[in-house]
Amino acid sequence: KEVALAGVVLALVGLLGSLFIRPR
C-alpha cells in the first residue's frame, strides 16, 4: 500500500507536469 500511495503521488505529479508545462 505504501508503494501504491507513492505511485498515486508520482502519477499526480506527472499529470500536473503534462498539463501545466507548456513546450515551446
PDB file of all heavy atoms in Angstrom:
ATOM      1  N   LYS A   1       0.831  -1.210   0.000  1.00  0.00           N
ATOM      2  CA  LYS A   1       0.000   0.000   0.000  1.00  0.00           C
ATOM      3  C   LYS A   1       0.864   1.259   0.000  1.00  0.00           C
ATOM      4  O   LYS A   1       0.453   2.283  -0.554  1.00  0.00           O
ATOM      5  CB  LYS A   1      -0.937  -0.001   1.199  1.00  0.00           C
ATOM      6  CG  LYS A   1      -0.254  -0.013   2.565  1.00  0.00           C
ATOM      7  CD  LYS A   1      -1.264  -0.083   3.683  1.00  0.00           C
ATOM      8  CE  LYS A   1      -0.577  -0.124   5.053  1.00  0.00           C
ATOM      9  NZ  LYS A   1      -1.555  -0.216   6.151  1.00  0.00           N
ATOM     10  N   GLU A   2       2.056   1.188   0.615  1.00  0.00           N
ATOM     11  CA  GLU A   2       2.946   2.347   0.559  1.00  0.00           C
ATOM     12  C   GLU A   2       3.436   2.584  -0.868  1.00  0.00           C
ATOM     13  O   GLU A   2       3.535   3.732  -1.320  1.00  0.00           O
ATOM     14  CB  GLU A   2       4.143   2.149   1.493  1.00  0.00           C
ATOM     15  CG  GLU A   2       3.799   2.101   2.980  1.00  0.00           C
ATOM     16  CD  GLU A   2       3.353   0.741   3.435  1.00  0.00           C
ATOM     17  OE1 GLU A   2       3.378  -0.193   2.585  1.00  0.00           O
ATOM     18  OE2 GLU A   2       2.974   0.569   4.608  1.00  0.00           O
ATOM     19  N   VAL A   3       3.699   1.479  -1.587  1.00  0.00           N
ATOM     20  CA  VAL A   3       4.119   1.611  -2.984  1.00  0.00           C
ATOM     21  C   VAL A   3       2.981   2.188  -3.813  1.00  0.00           C
ATOM     22  O   VAL A   3       3.187   3.040  -4.687  1.00  0.00           O
ATOM     23  CB  VAL A   3       4.559   0.243  -3.535  1.00  0.00           C
ATOM     24  CG1 VAL A   3       4.919   0.343  -5.013  1.00  0.00           C
ATOM     25  CG2 VAL A   3       5.737  -0.289  -2.735  1.00  0.00           C
ATOM     26  N   ALA A   4       1.759   1.728  -3.540  1.00  0.00           N
ATOM     27  CA  ALA A   4       0.602   2.255  -4.270  1.00  0.00           C
ATOM     28  C   ALA A   4       0.417   3.744  -4.000  1.00  0.00           C
ATOM     29  O   ALA A   4       0.120   4.519  -4.917  1.00  0.00           O
ATOM     30  CB  ALA A   4      -0.659   1.492  -3.873  1.00  0.00           C
ATOM     31  N   LEU A   5       0.595   4.156  -2.737  1.00  0.00           N
ATOM     32  CA  LEU A   5       0.472   5.576  -2.405  1.00  0.00           C
ATOM     33  C   LEU A   5       1.544   6.391  -3.118  1.00  0.00           C
ATOM     34  O   LEU A   5       1.254   7.463  -3.682  1.00  0.00           O
ATOM     35  CB  LEU A   5       0.583   5.766  -0.890  1.00  0.00           C
ATOM     36  CG  LEU A   5       0.534   7.211  -0.388  1.00  0.00           C
ATOM     37  CD1 LEU A   5      -0.776   7.879  -0.790  1.00  0.00           C
ATOM     38  CD2 LEU A   5       0.717   7.268   1.126  1.00  0.00           C
ATOM     39  N   ALA A   6       2.770   5.875  -3.120  1.00  0.00           N
ATOM     40  CA  ALA A   6       3.839   6.584  -3.833  1.00  0.00           C
ATOM     41  C   ALA A   6       3.533   6.668  -5.318  1.00  0.00           C
ATOM     42  O   ALA A   6       3.770   7.697  -5.966  1.00  0.00           O
ATOM     43  CB  ALA A   6       5.170   5.885  -3.596  1.00  0.00           C
ATOM     44  N   GLY A   7       2.972   5.590  -5.879  1.00  0.00           N
ATOM     45  CA  GLY A   7       2.603   5.607  -7.286  1.00  0.00           C
ATOM     46  C   GLY A   7       1.534   6.624  -7.592  1.00  0.00           C
ATOM     47  O   GLY A   7       1.590   7.317  -8.621  1.00  0.00           O
ATOM     48  N   VAL A   8       0.549   6.751  -6.703  1.00  0.00           N
ATOM     49  CA  VAL A   8      -0.517   7.740  -6.906  1.00  0.00           C
ATOM     50  C   VAL A   8       0.051   9.160  -6.862  1.00  0.00           C
ATOM     51  O   VAL A   8      -0.300  10.020  -7.681  1.00  0.00           O
ATOM     52  CB  VAL A   8      -1.617   7.558  -5.840  1.00  0.00           C
ATOM     53  CG1 VAL A   8      -2.601   8.715  -5.886  1.00  0.00           C
ATOM     54  CG2 VAL A   8      -2.354   6.244  -6.064  1.00  0.00           C
ATOM     55  N   VAL A   9       0.950   9.402  -5.887  1.00  0.00           N
ATOM     56  CA  VAL A   9       1.556  10.737  -5.779  1.00  0.00           C
ATOM     57  C   VAL A   9       2.379  11.053  -7.026  1.00  0.00           C
ATOM     58  O   VAL A   9       2.287  12.150  -7.592  1.00  0.00           O
ATOM     59  CB  VAL A   9       2.425  10.821  -4.504  1.00  0.00           C
ATOM     60  CG1 VAL A   9       3.196  12.142  -4.469  1.00  0.00           C
ATOM     61  CG2 VAL A   9       1.548  10.691  -3.261  1.00  0.00           C
ATOM     62  N   LEU A  10       3.187  10.087  -7.469  1.00  0.00           N
ATOM     63  CA  LEU A  10       4.004  10.316  -8.661  1.00  0.00           C
ATOM     64  C   LEU A  10       3.134  10.490  -9.904  1.00  0.00           C
ATOM     65  O   LEU A  10       3.453  11.306 -10.782  1.00  0.00           O
ATOM     66  CB  LEU A  10       4.969   9.149  -8.860  1.00  0.00           C
ATOM     67  CG  LEU A  10       6.093   9.029  -7.822  1.00  0.00           C
ATOM     68  CD1 LEU A  10       6.933   7.786  -8.092  1.00  0.00           C
ATOM     69  CD2 LEU A  10       6.974  10.271  -7.822  1.00  0.00           C
ATOM     70  N   ALA A  11       2.041   9.735  -9.990  1.00  0.00           N
ATOM     71  CA  ALA A  11       1.129   9.899 -11.126  1.00  0.00           C
ATOM     72  C   ALA A  11       0.519  11.294 -11.133  1.00  0.00           C
ATOM     73  O   ALA A  11       0.364  11.918 -12.190  1.00  0.00           O
ATOM     74  CB  ALA A  11       0.034   8.838 -11.080  1.00  0.00           C
ATOM     75  N   LEU A  12       0.174  11.799  -9.940  1.00  0.00           N
ATOM     76  CA  LEU A  12      -0.376  13.146  -9.851  1.00  0.00           C
ATOM     77  C   LEU A  12       0.660  14.193 -10.256  1.00  0.00           C
ATOM     78  O   LEU A  12       0.345  15.141 -10.989  1.00  0.00           O
ATOM     79  CB  LEU A  12      -0.864  13.411  -8.419  1.00  0.00           C
ATOM     80  CG  LEU A  12      -1.488  14.780  -8.156  1.00  0.00           C
ATOM     81  CD1 LEU A  12      -2.717  14.994  -9.035  1.00  0.00           C
ATOM     82  CD2 LEU A  12      -1.875  14.930  -6.682  1.00  0.00           C
ATOM     83  N   VAL A  13       1.905  13.996  -9.809  1.00  0.00           N
ATOM     84  CA  VAL A  13       2.973  14.923 -10.193  1.00  0.00           C
ATOM     85  C   VAL A  13       3.176  14.900 -11.706  1.00  0.00           C
ATOM     86  O   VAL A  13       3.298  15.946 -12.369  1.00  0.00           O
ATOM     87  CB  VAL A  13       4.277  14.570  -9.457  1.00  0.00           C
ATOM     88  CG1 VAL A  13       5.440  15.399  -9.998  1.00  0.00           C
ATOM     89  CG2 VAL A  13       4.127  14.808  -7.953  1.00  0.00           C
ATOM     90  N   GLY A  14       3.205  13.691 -12.269  1.00  0.00           N
ATOM     91  CA  GLY A  14       3.376  13.578 -13.714  1.00  0.00           C
ATOM     92  C   GLY A  14       2.228  14.189 -14.481  1.00  0.00           C
ATOM     93  O   GLY A  14       2.426  14.845 -15.514  1.00  0.00           O
ATOM     94  N   LEU A  15       1.003  13.986 -13.973  1.00  0.00           N
ATOM     95  CA  LEU A  15      -0.165  14.555 -14.654  1.00  0.00           C
ATOM     96  C   LEU A  15      -0.132  16.076 -14.604  1.00  0.00           C
ATOM     97  O   LEU A  15      -0.426  16.751 -15.610  1.00  0.00           O
ATOM     98  CB  LEU A  15      -1.443  14.028 -13.992  1.00  0.00           C
ATOM     99  CG  LEU A  15      -2.759  14.496 -14.601  1.00  0.00           C
ATOM    100  CD1 LEU A  15      -2.873  14.049 -16.047  1.00  0.00           C
ATOM    101  CD2 LEU A  15      -3.944  13.971 -13.795  1.00  0.00           C
ATOM    102  N   LEU A  16       0.216  16.627 -13.452  1.00  0.00           N
ATOM    103  CA  LEU A  16       0.309  18.088 -13.345  1.00  0.00           C
ATOM    104  C   LEU A  16       1.383  18.623 -14.287  1.00  0.00           C
ATOM    105  O   LEU A  16       1.198  19.671 -14.930  1.00  0.00           O
ATOM    106  CB  LEU A  16       0.617  18.484 -11.898  1.00  0.00           C
ATOM    107  CG  LEU A  16      -0.489  18.238 -10.872  1.00  0.00           C
ATOM    108  CD1 LEU A  16      -0.003  18.578  -9.472  1.00  0.00           C
ATOM    109  CD2 LEU A  16      -1.733  19.055 -11.205  1.00  0.00           C
ATOM    110  N   GLY A  17       2.508  17.900 -14.368  1.00  0.00           N
ATOM    111  CA  GLY A  17       3.561  18.341 -15.272  1.00  0.00           C
ATOM    112  C   GLY A  17       3.119  18.316 -16.722  1.00  0.00           C
ATOM    113  O   GLY A  17       3.377  19.249 -17.492  1.00  0.00           O
ATOM    114  N   SER A  18       2.402  17.244 -17.122  1.00  0.00           N
ATOM    115  CA  SER A  18       1.962  17.146 -18.510  1.00  0.00           C
ATOM    116  C   SER A  18       0.870  18.149 -18.835  1.00  0.00           C
ATOM    117  O   SER A  18       0.680  18.507 -20.001  1.00  0.00           O
ATOM    118  CB  SER A  18       1.459  15.723 -18.794  1.00  0.00           C
ATOM    119  OG  SER A  18       0.322  15.423 -18.002  1.00  0.00           O
ATOM    120  N   LEU A  19       0.150  18.623 -17.813  1.00  0.00           N
ATOM    121  CA  LEU A  19      -0.927  19.587 -18.050  1.00  0.00           C
ATOM    122  C   LEU A  19      -0.440  21.033 -18.045  1.00  0.00           C
ATOM    123  O   LEU A  19      -0.932  21.861 -18.833  1.00  0.00           O
ATOM    124  CB  LEU A  19      -2.028  19.414 -16.997  1.00  0.00           C
ATOM    125  CG  LEU A  19      -2.870  18.140 -17.088  1.00  0.00           C
ATOM    126  CD1 LEU A  19      -3.862  18.076 -15.924  1.00  0.00           C
ATOM    127  CD2 LEU A  19      -3.625  18.068 -18.412  1.00  0.00           C
ATOM    128  N   PHE A  20       0.496  21.346 -17.182  1.00  0.00           N
ATOM    129  CA  PHE A  20       0.849  22.755 -16.972  1.00  0.00           C
ATOM    130  C   PHE A  20       2.195  23.165 -17.575  1.00  0.00           C
ATOM    131  O   PHE A  20       2.470  24.347 -17.678  1.00  0.00           O
ATOM    132  CB  PHE A  20       0.842  23.080 -15.472  1.00  0.00           C
ATOM    133  CG  PHE A  20      -0.524  22.986 -14.853  1.00  0.00           C
ATOM    134  CD1 PHE A  20      -0.880  21.903 -14.069  1.00  0.00           C
ATOM    135  CD2 PHE A  20      -1.460  23.979 -15.074  1.00  0.00           C
ATOM    136  CE1 PHE A  20      -2.150  21.812 -13.506  1.00  0.00           C
ATOM    137  CE2 PHE A  20      -2.722  23.897 -14.517  1.00  0.00           C
ATOM    138  CZ  PHE A  20      -3.075  22.820 -13.739  1.00  0.00           C
ATOM    139  N   ILE A  21       3.039  22.207 -17.906  1.00  0.00           N
ATOM    140  CA  ILE A  21       4.288  22.565 -18.578  1.00  0.00           C
ATOM    141  C   ILE A  21       3.996  22.727 -20.064  1.00  0.00           C
ATOM    142  O   ILE A  21       3.493  21.795 -20.711  1.00  0.00           O
ATOM    143  CB  ILE A  21       5.370  21.493 -18.350  1.00  0.00           C
ATOM    144  CG1 ILE A  21       5.738  21.410 -16.868  1.00  0.00           C
ATOM    145  CG2 ILE A  21       6.609  21.803 -19.180  1.00  0.00           C
ATOM    146  CD1 ILE A  21       6.747  20.335 -16.539  1.00  0.00           C
ATOM    147  N   ARG A  22       4.287  23.885 -20.610  1.00  0.00           N
ATOM    148  CA  ARG A  22       3.972  24.181 -21.999  1.00  0.00           C
ATOM    149  C   ARG A  22       5.265  24.109 -22.820  1.00  0.00           C
ATOM    150  O   ARG A  22       6.151  24.961 -22.670  1.00  0.00           O
ATOM    151  CB  ARG A  22       3.333  25.556 -22.138  1.00  0.00           C
ATOM    152  CG  ARG A  22       2.146  25.786 -21.207  1.00  0.00           C
ATOM    153  CD  ARG A  22       1.359  27.001 -21.641  1.00  0.00           C
ATOM    154  NE  ARG A  22       0.650  26.749 -22.878  1.00  0.00           N
ATOM    155  CZ  ARG A  22      -0.564  26.190 -22.926  1.00  0.00           C
ATOM    156  NH1 ARG A  22      -1.175  25.830 -21.813  1.00  0.00           N
ATOM    157  NH2 ARG A  22      -1.156  26.004 -24.091  1.00  0.00           N
ATOM    158  N   PRO A  23       5.389  23.130 -23.691  1.00  0.00           N
ATOM    159  CA  PRO A  23       6.597  23.034 -24.532  1.00  0.00           C
ATOM    160  C   PRO A  23       6.584  24.099 -25.632  1.00  0.00           C
ATOM    161  O   PRO A  23       5.579  24.267 -26.335  1.00  0.00           O
ATOM    162  CB  PRO A  23       6.497  21.624 -25.114  1.00  0.00           C
ATOM    163  CG  PRO A  23       5.040  21.292 -25.094  1.00  0.00           C
ATOM    164  CD  PRO A  23       4.459  22.013 -23.913  1.00  0.00           C
ATOM    165  N   ARG A  24       7.684  24.813 -25.770  1.00  0.00           N
ATOM    166  CA  ARG A  24       7.789  25.869 -26.782  1.00  0.00           C
ATOM    167  C   ARG A  24       9.127  25.736 -27.512  1.00  0.00           C
ATOM    168  O   ARG A  24      10.137  25.339 -26.932  1.00  0.00           O
ATOM    169  CB  ARG A  24       7.698  27.261 -26.150  1.00  0.00           C
ATOM    170  CG  ARG A  24       6.349  27.587 -25.558  1.00  0.00           C
ATOM    171  CD  ARG A  24       6.275  29.066 -25.199  1.00  0.00           C
ATOM    172  NE  ARG A  24       4.963  29.429 -24.688  1.00  0.00           N
ATOM    173  CZ  ARG A  24       4.670  29.546 -23.408  1.00  0.00           C
ATOM    174  NH1 ARG A  24       5.606  29.326 -22.522  1.00  0.00           N
ATOM    175  NH2 ARG A  24       3.448  29.889 -23.022  1.00  0.00           N
TER     176      ARG A  24
END
